[in-house]
């Protein structure tokens, strides 16, 4: 047998201990199950993604930079809500 040492945030470890206890296991069992599943499937047993916040997408950031440049160049038109609503009614 080999001993593996992990570093976890104190709160994360506490929550993980509590969850494992509710499932009737300890952390060693938890990580053993995880490792066996990964080895059997030859992949991480869950999907890892980095979802893009739509606001920070490349296309939106380009539009924001373009709008900022237009503002700096004085190429903006301002309308009141009433003016916009009347335009929509036309």
PDB file of N, CA and C in Angstrom:
ATOM      1  N   UNK A   1       0.837  -1.190   0.000  1.00  0.00           N
ATOM      2  CA  UNK A   1       0.000   0.000   0.000  1.00  0.00           C
ATOM      3  C   UNK A   1       0.878   1.249   0.000  1.00  0.00           C
ATOM      4  N   UNK A   2       0.369   2.288  -0.625  1.00  0.00           N
ATOM      5  CA  UNK A   2       1.053   3.576  -0.695  1.00  0.00           C
ATOM      6  C   UNK A   2       0.197   4.623  -0.022  1.00  0.00           C
ATOM      7  N   UNK A   3       0.836   5.553   0.634  1.00  0.00           N
ATOM      8  CA  UNK A   3       0.128   6.671   1.243  1.00  0.00           C
ATOM      9  C   UNK A   3       0.217   7.860   0.303  1.00  0.00           C
ATOM     10  N   UNK A   4      -0.927   8.492   0.045  1.00  0.00           N
ATOM     11  CA  UNK A   4      -0.984   9.682  -0.792  1.00  0.00           C
ATOM     12  C   UNK A   4      -1.406  10.840   0.104  1.00  0.00           C
ATOM     13  N   UNK A   5      -0.717  11.928  -0.009  1.00  0.00           N
ATOM     14  CA  UNK A   5      -1.014  13.100   0.812  1.00  0.00           C
ATOM     15  C   UNK A   5      -1.610  14.189  -0.072  1.00  0.00           C
ATOM     16  N   UNK A   6      -2.728  14.757   0.345  1.00  0.00           N
ATOM     17  CA  UNK A   6      -3.397  15.816  -0.411  1.00  0.00           C
ATOM     18  C   UNK A   6      -3.541  17.065   0.446  1.00  0.00           C
ATOM     19  N   UNK A   7      -3.544  18.207  -0.209  1.00  0.00           N
ATOM     20  CA  UNK A   7      -3.824  19.459   0.490  1.00  0.00           C
ATOM     21  C   UNK A   7      -5.203  19.933   0.065  1.00  0.00           C
ATOM     22  N   UNK A   8      -6.069  20.159   1.040  1.00  0.00           N
ATOM     23  CA  UNK A   8      -7.403  20.674   0.790  1.00  0.00           C
ATOM     24  C   UNK A   8      -7.664  21.859   1.699  1.00  0.00           C
ATOM     25  N   UNK A   9      -8.449  22.761   1.230  1.00  0.00           N
ATOM     26  CA  UNK A   9      -8.933  23.856   2.056  1.00  0.00           C
ATOM     27  C   UNK A   9      -9.651  23.250   3.263  1.00  0.00           C
ATOM     28  N   UNK A  10      -9.471  23.848   4.442  1.00  0.00           N
ATOM     29  CA  UNK A  10     -10.073  23.300   5.664  1.00  0.00           C
ATOM     30  C   UNK A  10     -11.582  23.112   5.543  1.00  0.00           C
ATOM     31  N   UNK A  11     -12.260  24.107   4.997  1.00  0.00           N
ATOM     32  CA  UNK A  11     -13.721  24.032   4.873  1.00  0.00           C
ATOM     33  C   UNK A  11     -14.126  22.958   3.871  1.00  0.00           C
ATOM     34  N   UNK A  12     -13.368  22.839   2.777  1.00  0.00           N
ATOM     35  CA  UNK A  12     -13.672  21.814   1.789  1.00  0.00           C
ATOM     36  C   UNK A  12     -13.524  20.426   2.407  1.00  0.00           C
ATOM     37  N   UNK A  13     -12.446  20.218   3.173  1.00  0.00           N
ATOM     38  CA  UNK A  13     -12.241  18.918   3.811  1.00  0.00           C
ATOM     39  C   UNK A  13     -13.364  18.615   4.779  1.00  0.00           C
ATOM     40  N   UNK A  14     -13.770  19.602   5.550  1.00  0.00           N
ATOM     41  CA  UNK A  14     -14.861  19.410   6.508  1.00  0.00           C
ATOM     42  C   UNK A  14     -16.135  18.986   5.778  1.00  0.00           C
ATOM     43  N   UNK A  15     -16.468  19.689   4.697  1.00  0.00           N
ATOM     44  CA  UNK A  15     -17.668  19.366   3.935  1.00  0.00           C
ATOM     45  C   UNK A  15     -17.561  17.984   3.293  1.00  0.00           C
ATOM     46  N   UNK A  16     -16.379  17.654   2.789  1.00  0.00           N
ATOM     47  CA  UNK A  16     -16.179  16.349   2.160  1.00  0.00           C
ATOM     48  C   UNK A  16     -16.279  15.229   3.191  1.00  0.00           C
ATOM     49  N   UNK A  17     -15.690  15.454   4.371  1.00  0.00           N
ATOM     50  CA  UNK A  17     -15.812  14.478   5.463  1.00  0.00           C
ATOM     51  C   UNK A  17     -17.282  14.242   5.811  1.00  0.00           C
ATOM     52  N   UNK A  18     -18.041  15.338   5.932  1.00  0.00           N
ATOM     53  CA  UNK A  18     -19.459  15.233   6.288  1.00  0.00           C
ATOM     54  C   UNK A  18     -20.238  14.476   5.215  1.00  0.00           C
ATOM     55  N   UNK A  19     -19.977  14.798   3.950  1.00  0.00           N
ATOM     56  CA  UNK A  19     -20.669  14.123   2.853  1.00  0.00           C
ATOM     57  C   UNK A  19     -20.338  12.633   2.850  1.00  0.00           C
ATOM     58  N   UNK A  20     -19.054  12.315   2.977  1.00  0.00           N
ATOM     59  CA  UNK A  20     -18.647  10.910   2.988  1.00  0.00           C
ATOM     60  C   UNK A  20     -19.282  10.173   4.161  1.00  0.00           C
ATOM     61  N   UNK A  21     -19.319  10.816   5.317  1.00  0.00           N
ATOM     62  CA  UNK A  21     -19.934  10.204   6.498  1.00  0.00           C
ATOM     63  C   UNK A  21     -21.406   9.894   6.237  1.00  0.00           C
ATOM     64  N   UNK A  22     -22.104  10.823   5.577  1.00  0.00           N
ATOM     65  CA  UNK A  22     -23.509  10.605   5.245  1.00  0.00           C
ATOM     66  C   UNK A  22     -23.680   9.420   4.297  1.00  0.00           C
ATOM     67  N   UNK A  23     -22.651   9.145   3.500  1.00  0.00           N
ATOM     68  CA  UNK A  23     -22.698   8.025   2.550  1.00  0.00           C
ATOM     69  C   UNK A  23     -22.120   6.748   3.151  1.00  0.00           C
ATOM     70  N   UNK A  24     -21.685   6.830   4.402  1.00  0.00           N
ATOM     71  CA  UNK A  24     -21.153   5.654   5.079  1.00  0.00           C
ATOM     72  C   UNK A  24     -19.741   5.290   4.681  1.00  0.00           C
ATOM     73  N   UNK A  25     -18.949   6.279   4.323  1.00  0.00           N
ATOM     74  CA  UNK A  25     -17.559   6.001   3.950  1.00  0.00           C
ATOM     75  C   UNK A  25     -16.642   7.085   4.517  1.00  0.00           C
ATOM     76  N   UNK A  26     -15.346   6.850   4.385  1.00  0.00           N
ATOM     77  CA  UNK A  26     -14.369   7.860   4.793  1.00  0.00           C
ATOM     78  C   UNK A  26     -13.676   8.407   3.551  1.00  0.00           C
ATOM     79  N   UNK A  27     -12.757   9.334   3.738  1.00  0.00           N
ATOM     80  CA  UNK A  27     -12.078   9.941   2.594  1.00  0.00           C
ATOM     81  C   UNK A  27     -11.248   8.935   1.794  1.00  0.00           C
ATOM     82  N   UNK A  28     -10.641   7.981   2.484  1.00  0.00           N
ATOM     83  CA  UNK A  28      -9.853   6.972   1.770  1.00  0.00           C
ATOM     84  C   UNK A  28     -10.745   6.196   0.815  1.00  0.00           C
ATOM     85  N   UNK A  29     -11.906   5.782   1.281  1.00  0.00           N
ATOM     86  CA  UNK A  29     -12.841   5.057   0.427  1.00  0.00           C
ATOM     87  C   UNK A  29     -13.298   5.931  -0.732  1.00  0.00           C
ATOM     88  N   UNK A  30     -13.597   7.190  -0.438  1.00  0.00           N
ATOM     89  CA  UNK A  30     -14.033   8.139  -1.465  1.00  0.00           C
ATOM     90  C   UNK A  30     -12.995   8.242  -2.581  1.00  0.00           C
ATOM     91  N   UNK A  31     -11.739   8.479  -2.213  1.00  0.00           N
ATOM     92  CA  UNK A  31     -10.697   8.643  -3.228  1.00  0.00           C
ATOM     93  C   UNK A  31     -10.374   7.323  -3.927  1.00  0.00           C
ATOM     94  N   UNK A  32     -10.514   6.195  -3.223  1.00  0.00           N
ATOM     95  CA  UNK A  32     -10.296   4.897  -3.851  1.00  0.00           C
ATOM     96  C   UNK A  32     -11.359   4.640  -4.919  1.00  0.00           C
ATOM     97  N   UNK A  33     -12.618   4.932  -4.600  1.00  0.00           N
ATOM     98  CA  UNK A  33     -13.698   4.777  -5.581  1.00  0.00           C
ATOM     99  C   UNK A  33     -13.433   5.661  -6.795  1.00  0.00           C
ATOM    100  N   UNK A  34     -13.043   6.901  -6.532  1.00  0.00           N
ATOM    101  CA  UNK A  34     -12.737   7.845  -7.617  1.00  0.00           C
ATOM    102  C   UNK A  34     -11.619   7.295  -8.508  1.00  0.00           C
ATOM    103  N   UNK A  35     -10.543   6.824  -7.887  1.00  0.00           N
ATOM    104  CA  UNK A  35      -9.392   6.327  -8.641  1.00  0.00           C
ATOM    105  C   UNK A  35      -9.761   5.087  -9.458  1.00  0.00           C
ATOM    106  N   UNK A  36     -10.525   4.170  -8.862  1.00  0.00           N
ATOM    107  CA  UNK A  36     -10.927   2.962  -9.593  1.00  0.00           C
ATOM    108  C   UNK A  36     -11.796   3.309 -10.796  1.00  0.00           C
ATOM    109  N   UNK A  37     -12.711   4.245 -10.627  1.00  0.00           N
ATOM    110  CA  UNK A  37     -13.576   4.662 -11.732  1.00  0.00           C
ATOM    111  C   UNK A  37     -12.734   5.297 -12.841  1.00  0.00           C
ATOM    112  N   UNK A  38     -11.805   6.162 -12.477  1.00  0.00           N
ATOM    113  CA  UNK A  38     -10.938   6.812 -13.470  1.00  0.00           C
ATOM    114  C   UNK A  38     -10.103   5.787 -14.226  1.00  0.00           C
ATOM    115  N   UNK A  39      -9.559   4.824 -13.518  1.00  0.00           N
ATOM    116  CA  UNK A  39      -8.745   3.798 -14.161  1.00  0.00           C
ATOM    117  C   UNK A  39      -9.581   2.879 -15.049  1.00  0.00           C
ATOM    118  N   UNK A  40     -10.762   2.519 -14.592  1.00  0.00           N
ATOM    119  CA  UNK A  40     -11.627   1.634 -15.376  1.00  0.00           C
ATOM    120  C   UNK A  40     -12.058   2.309 -16.677  1.00  0.00           C
ATOM    121  N   UNK A  41     -12.439   3.596 -16.588  1.00  0.00           N
ATOM    122  CA  UNK A  41     -12.938   4.325 -17.764  1.00  0.00           C
ATOM    123  C   UNK A  41     -11.828   4.984 -18.575  1.00  0.00           C
ATOM    124  N   UNK A  42     -10.630   5.055 -17.982  1.00  0.00           N
ATOM    125  CA  UNK A  42      -9.484   5.720 -18.610  1.00  0.00           C
ATOM    126  C   UNK A  42      -9.786   7.189 -18.904  1.00  0.00           C
ATOM    127  N   UNK A  43     -10.522   7.812 -17.982  1.00  0.00           N
ATOM    128  CA  UNK A  43     -10.830   9.242 -18.090  1.00  0.00           C
ATOM    129  C   UNK A  43     -11.232   9.748 -16.723  1.00  0.00           C
ATOM    130  N   UNK A  44     -11.218  11.057 -16.567  1.00  0.00           N
ATOM    131  CA  UNK A  44     -11.729  11.659 -15.341  1.00  0.00           C
ATOM    132  C   UNK A  44     -13.225  11.380 -15.302  1.00  0.00           C
ATOM    133  N   UNK A  45     -13.740  10.879 -14.185  1.00  0.00           N
ATOM    134  CA  UNK A  45     -15.128  10.410 -14.172  1.00  0.00           C
ATOM    135  C   UNK A  45     -16.209  11.493 -14.136  1.00  0.00           C
ATOM    136  N   UNK A  46     -15.887  12.656 -14.579  1.00  0.00           N
ATOM    137  CA  UNK A  46     -16.882  13.717 -14.738  1.00  0.00           C
ATOM    138  C   UNK A  46     -16.331  14.715 -15.733  1.00  0.00           C
ATOM    139  N   UNK A  47     -17.226  15.490 -16.321  1.00  0.00           N
ATOM    140  CA  UNK A  47     -16.819  16.468 -17.319  1.00  0.00           C
ATOM    141  C   UNK A  47     -16.227  17.700 -16.637  1.00  0.00           C
ATOM    142  N   UNK A  48     -15.110  18.141 -17.142  1.00  0.00           N
ATOM    143  CA  UNK A  48     -14.488  19.366 -16.638  1.00  0.00           C
ATOM    144  C   UNK A  48     -14.617  20.419 -17.735  1.00  0.00           C
ATOM    145  N   UNK A  49     -15.286  21.500 -17.409  1.00  0.00           N
ATOM    146  CA  UNK A  49     -15.464  22.574 -18.378  1.00  0.00           C
ATOM    147  C   UNK A  49     -15.173  23.909 -17.713  1.00  0.00           C
ATOM    148  N   UNK A  50     -14.926  24.873 -18.534  1.00  0.00           N
ATOM    149  CA  UNK A  50     -14.748  26.238 -18.053  1.00  0.00           C
ATOM    150  C   UNK A  50     -15.757  27.086 -18.816  1.00  0.00           C
ATOM    151  N   UNK A  51     -16.985  27.141 -18.306  1.00  0.00           N
ATOM    152  CA  UNK A  51     -18.003  27.894 -19.039  1.00  0.00           C
ATOM    153  C   UNK A  51     -17.618  29.360 -19.174  1.00  0.00           C
ATOM    154  N   UNK A  52     -17.909  29.886 -20.329  1.00  0.00           N
ATOM    155  CA  UNK A  52     -17.589  31.280 -20.590  1.00  0.00           C
ATOM    156  C   UNK A  52     -18.782  32.131 -20.168  1.00  0.00           C
ATOM    157  N   UNK A  53     -18.525  33.078 -19.326  1.00  0.00           N
ATOM    158  CA  UNK A  53     -19.549  34.050 -18.954  1.00  0.00           C
ATOM    159  C   UNK A  53     -19.834  34.861 -20.212  1.00  0.00           C
ATOM    160  N   UNK A  54     -21.092  34.876 -20.678  1.00  0.00           N
ATOM    161  CA  UNK A  54     -21.398  35.563 -21.942  1.00  0.00           C
ATOM    162  C   UNK A  54     -20.877  36.998 -22.003  1.00  0.00           C
ATOM    163  N   UNK A  55     -20.889  37.701 -20.884  1.00  0.00           N
ATOM    164  CA  UNK A  55     -20.419  39.081 -20.890  1.00  0.00           C
ATOM    165  C   UNK A  55     -18.957  39.159 -21.316  1.00  0.00           C
ATOM    166  N   UNK A  56     -18.158  38.154 -20.922  1.00  0.00           N
ATOM    167  CA  UNK A  56     -16.722  38.188 -21.202  1.00  0.00           C
ATOM    168  C   UNK A  56     -16.342  37.407 -22.459  1.00  0.00           C
ATOM    169  N   UNK A  57     -17.313  37.015 -23.273  1.00  0.00           N
ATOM    170  CA  UNK A  57     -16.987  36.302 -24.499  1.00  0.00           C
ATOM    171  C   UNK A  57     -16.177  37.218 -25.419  1.00  0.00           C
ATOM    172  N   UNK A  58     -15.423  36.615 -26.308  1.00  0.00           N
ATOM    173  CA  UNK A  58     -14.559  37.375 -27.218  1.00  0.00           C
ATOM    174  C   UNK A  58     -15.388  38.352 -28.050  1.00  0.00           C
ATOM    175  N   UNK A  59     -16.506  37.874 -28.605  1.00  0.00           N
ATOM    176  CA  UNK A  59     -17.307  38.752 -29.466  1.00  0.00           C
ATOM    177  C   UNK A  59     -17.890  39.925 -28.685  1.00  0.00           C
ATOM    178  N   UNK A  60     -18.326  39.689 -27.458  1.00  0.00           N
ATOM    179  CA  UNK A  60     -18.882  40.789 -26.665  1.00  0.00           C
ATOM    180  C   UNK A  60     -17.791  41.784 -26.270  1.00  0.00           C
ATOM    181  N   UNK A  61     -16.614  41.280 -25.923  1.00  0.00           N
ATOM    182  CA  UNK A  61     -15.520  42.183 -25.555  1.00  0.00           C
ATOM    183  C   UNK A  61     -15.120  43.040 -26.757  1.00  0.00           C
ATOM    184  N   UNK A  62     -15.153  42.472 -27.958  1.00  0.00           N
ATOM    185  CA  UNK A  62     -14.853  43.252 -29.163  1.00  0.00           C
ATOM    186  C   UNK A  62     -15.897  44.354 -29.359  1.00  0.00           C
ATOM    187  N   UNK A  63     -17.168  44.023 -29.146  1.00  0.00           N
ATOM    188  CA  UNK A  63     -18.236  45.015 -29.281  1.00  0.00           C
ATOM    189  C   UNK A  63     -18.090  46.122 -28.236  1.00  0.00           C
ATOM    190  N   UNK A  64     -17.728  45.745 -27.024  1.00  0.00           N
ATOM    191  CA  UNK A  64     -17.539  46.752 -25.977  1.00  0.00           C
ATOM    192  C   UNK A  64     -16.369  47.681 -26.304  1.00  0.00           C
ATOM    193  N   UNK A  65     -15.289  47.121 -26.824  1.00  0.00           N
ATOM    194  CA  UNK A  65     -14.138  47.945 -27.209  1.00  0.00           C
ATOM    195  C   UNK A  65     -14.512  48.888 -28.354  1.00  0.00           C
ATOM    196  N   UNK A  66     -15.291  48.374 -29.304  1.00  0.00           N
ATOM    197  CA  UNK A  66     -15.740  49.202 -30.425  1.00  0.00           C
ATOM    198  C   UNK A  66     -16.627  50.343 -29.916  1.00  0.00           C
ATOM    199  N   UNK A  67     -17.545  50.026 -29.012  1.00  0.00           N
ATOM    200  CA  UNK A  67     -18.431  51.048 -28.447  1.00  0.00           C
ATOM    201  C   UNK A  67     -17.633  52.079 -27.663  1.00  0.00           C
ATOM    202  N   UNK A  68     -16.650  51.609 -26.897  1.00  0.00           N
ATOM    203  CA  UNK A  68     -15.813  52.532 -26.137  1.00  0.00           C
ATOM    204  C   UNK A  68     -15.066  53.476 -27.062  1.00  0.00           C
ATOM    205  N   UNK A  69     -14.554  52.951 -28.167  1.00  0.00           N
ATOM    206  CA  UNK A  69     -13.842  53.788 -29.142  1.00  0.00           C
ATOM    207  C   UNK A  69     -14.787  54.820 -29.745  1.00  0.00           C
ATOM    208  N   UNK A  70     -16.030  54.416 -30.051  1.00  0.00           N
ATOM    209  CA  UNK A  70     -17.013  55.345 -30.599  1.00  0.00           C
ATOM    210  C   UNK A  70     -17.324  56.462 -29.597  1.00  0.00           C
ATOM    211  N   UNK A  71     -17.416  56.108 -28.327  1.00  0.00           N
ATOM    212  CA  UNK A  71     -17.671  57.119 -27.289  1.00  0.00           C
ATOM    213  C   UNK A  71     -16.503  58.097 -27.239  1.00  0.00           C
ATOM    214  N   UNK A  72     -15.280  57.567 -27.247  1.00  0.00           N
ATOM    215  CA  UNK A  72     -14.100  58.433 -27.192  1.00  0.00           C
ATOM    216  C   UNK A  72     -14.015  59.339 -28.411  1.00  0.00           C
ATOM    217  N   UNK A  73     -14.512  58.876 -29.554  1.00  0.00           N
ATOM    218  CA  UNK A  73     -14.482  59.679 -30.785  1.00  0.00           C
ATOM    219  C   UNK A  73     -15.697  60.604 -30.912  1.00  0.00           C
ATOM    220  N   UNK A  74     -16.571  60.583 -29.915  1.00  0.00           N
ATOM    221  CA  UNK A  74     -17.755  61.433 -29.959  1.00  0.00           C
ATOM    222  C   UNK A  74     -18.801  60.956 -30.958  1.00  0.00           C
ATOM    223  N   UNK A  75     -18.777  59.695 -31.307  1.00  0.00           N
ATOM    224  CA  UNK A  75     -19.699  59.146 -32.300  1.00  0.00           C
ATOM    225  C   UNK A  75     -20.906  58.482 -31.636  1.00  0.00           C
ATOM    226  N   UNK A  76     -21.507  59.160 -30.688  1.00  0.00           N
ATOM    227  CA  UNK A  76     -22.643  58.567 -29.995  1.00  0.00           C
ATOM    228  C   UNK A  76     -23.881  59.431 -30.166  1.00  0.00           C
ATOM    229  N   UNK A  77     -25.008  58.795 -30.087  1.00  0.00           N
ATOM    230  CA  UNK A  77     -26.291  59.493 -30.150  1.00  0.00           C
ATOM    231  C   UNK A  77     -27.039  59.122 -28.888  1.00  0.00           C
ATOM    232  N   UNK A  78     -27.565  60.106 -28.210  1.00  0.00           N
ATOM    233  CA  UNK A  78     -28.333  59.817 -27.006  1.00  0.00           C
ATOM    234  C   UNK A  78     -29.800  60.105 -27.260  1.00  0.00           C
ATOM    235  N   UNK A  79     -30.645  59.250 -26.704  1.00  0.00           N
ATOM    236  CA  UNK A  79     -32.094  59.397 -26.822  1.00  0.00           C
ATOM    237  C   UNK A  79     -32.705  59.133 -25.459  1.00  0.00           C
ATOM    238  N   UNK A  80     -33.803  59.797 -25.183  1.00  0.00           N
ATOM    239  CA  UNK A  80     -34.552  59.506 -23.965  1.00  0.00           C
ATOM    240  C   UNK A  80     -35.377  58.247 -24.209  1.00  0.00           C
ATOM    241  N   UNK A  81     -35.902  57.678 -23.143  1.00  0.00           N
ATOM    242  CA  UNK A  81     -36.739  56.500 -23.282  1.00  0.00           C
ATOM    243  C   UNK A  81     -37.974  56.814 -24.114  1.00  0.00           C
ATOM    244  N   UNK A  82     -38.521  57.987 -23.918  1.00  0.00           N
ATOM    245  CA  UNK A  82     -39.699  58.389 -24.687  1.00  0.00           C
ATOM    246  C   UNK A  82     -39.382  58.462 -26.178  1.00  0.00           C
ATOM    247  N   UNK A  83     -38.210  59.005 -26.510  1.00  0.00           N
ATOM    248  CA  UNK A  83     -37.809  59.086 -27.913  1.00  0.00           C
ATOM    249  C   UNK A  83     -37.623  57.689 -28.515  1.00  0.00           C
ATOM    250  N   UNK A  84     -37.043  56.796 -27.736  1.00  0.00           N
ATOM    251  CA  UNK A  84     -36.856  55.427 -28.226  1.00  0.00           C
ATOM    252  C   UNK A  84     -38.179  54.731 -28.430  1.00  0.00           C
ATOM    253  N   UNK A  85     -39.108  54.924 -27.489  1.00  0.00           N
ATOM    254  CA  UNK A  85     -40.429  54.300 -27.615  1.00  0.00           C
ATOM    255  C   UNK A  85     -41.180  54.842 -28.839  1.00  0.00           C
ATOM    256  N   UNK A  86     -41.046  56.142 -29.097  1.00  0.00           N
ATOM    257  CA  UNK A  86     -41.738  56.700 -30.258  1.00  0.00           C
ATOM    258  C   UNK A  86     -41.122  56.173 -31.557  1.00  0.00           C
ATOM    259  N   UNK A  87     -39.817  55.939 -31.558  1.00  0.00           N
ATOM    260  CA  UNK A  87     -39.168  55.336 -32.725  1.00  0.00           C
ATOM    261  C   UNK A  87     -39.675  53.911 -32.955  1.00  0.00           C
ATOM    262  N   UNK A  88     -39.892  53.196 -31.854  1.00  0.00           N
ATOM    263  CA  UNK A  88     -40.371  51.821 -31.965  1.00  0.00           C
ATOM    264  C   UNK A  88     -41.792  51.758 -32.478  1.00  0.00           C
ATOM    265  N   UNK A  89     -42.575  52.795 -32.208  1.00  0.00           N
ATOM    266  CA  UNK A  89     -43.965  52.846 -32.662  1.00  0.00           C
ATOM    267  C   UNK A  89     -44.085  53.177 -34.135  1.00  0.00           C
ATOM    268  N   UNK A  90     -43.051  53.735 -34.713  1.00  0.00           N
ATOM    269  CA  UNK A  90     -43.104  54.153 -36.123  1.00  0.00           C
ATOM    270  C   UNK A  90     -43.084  52.986 -37.064  1.00  0.00           C
TER     271      UNK A  90
END
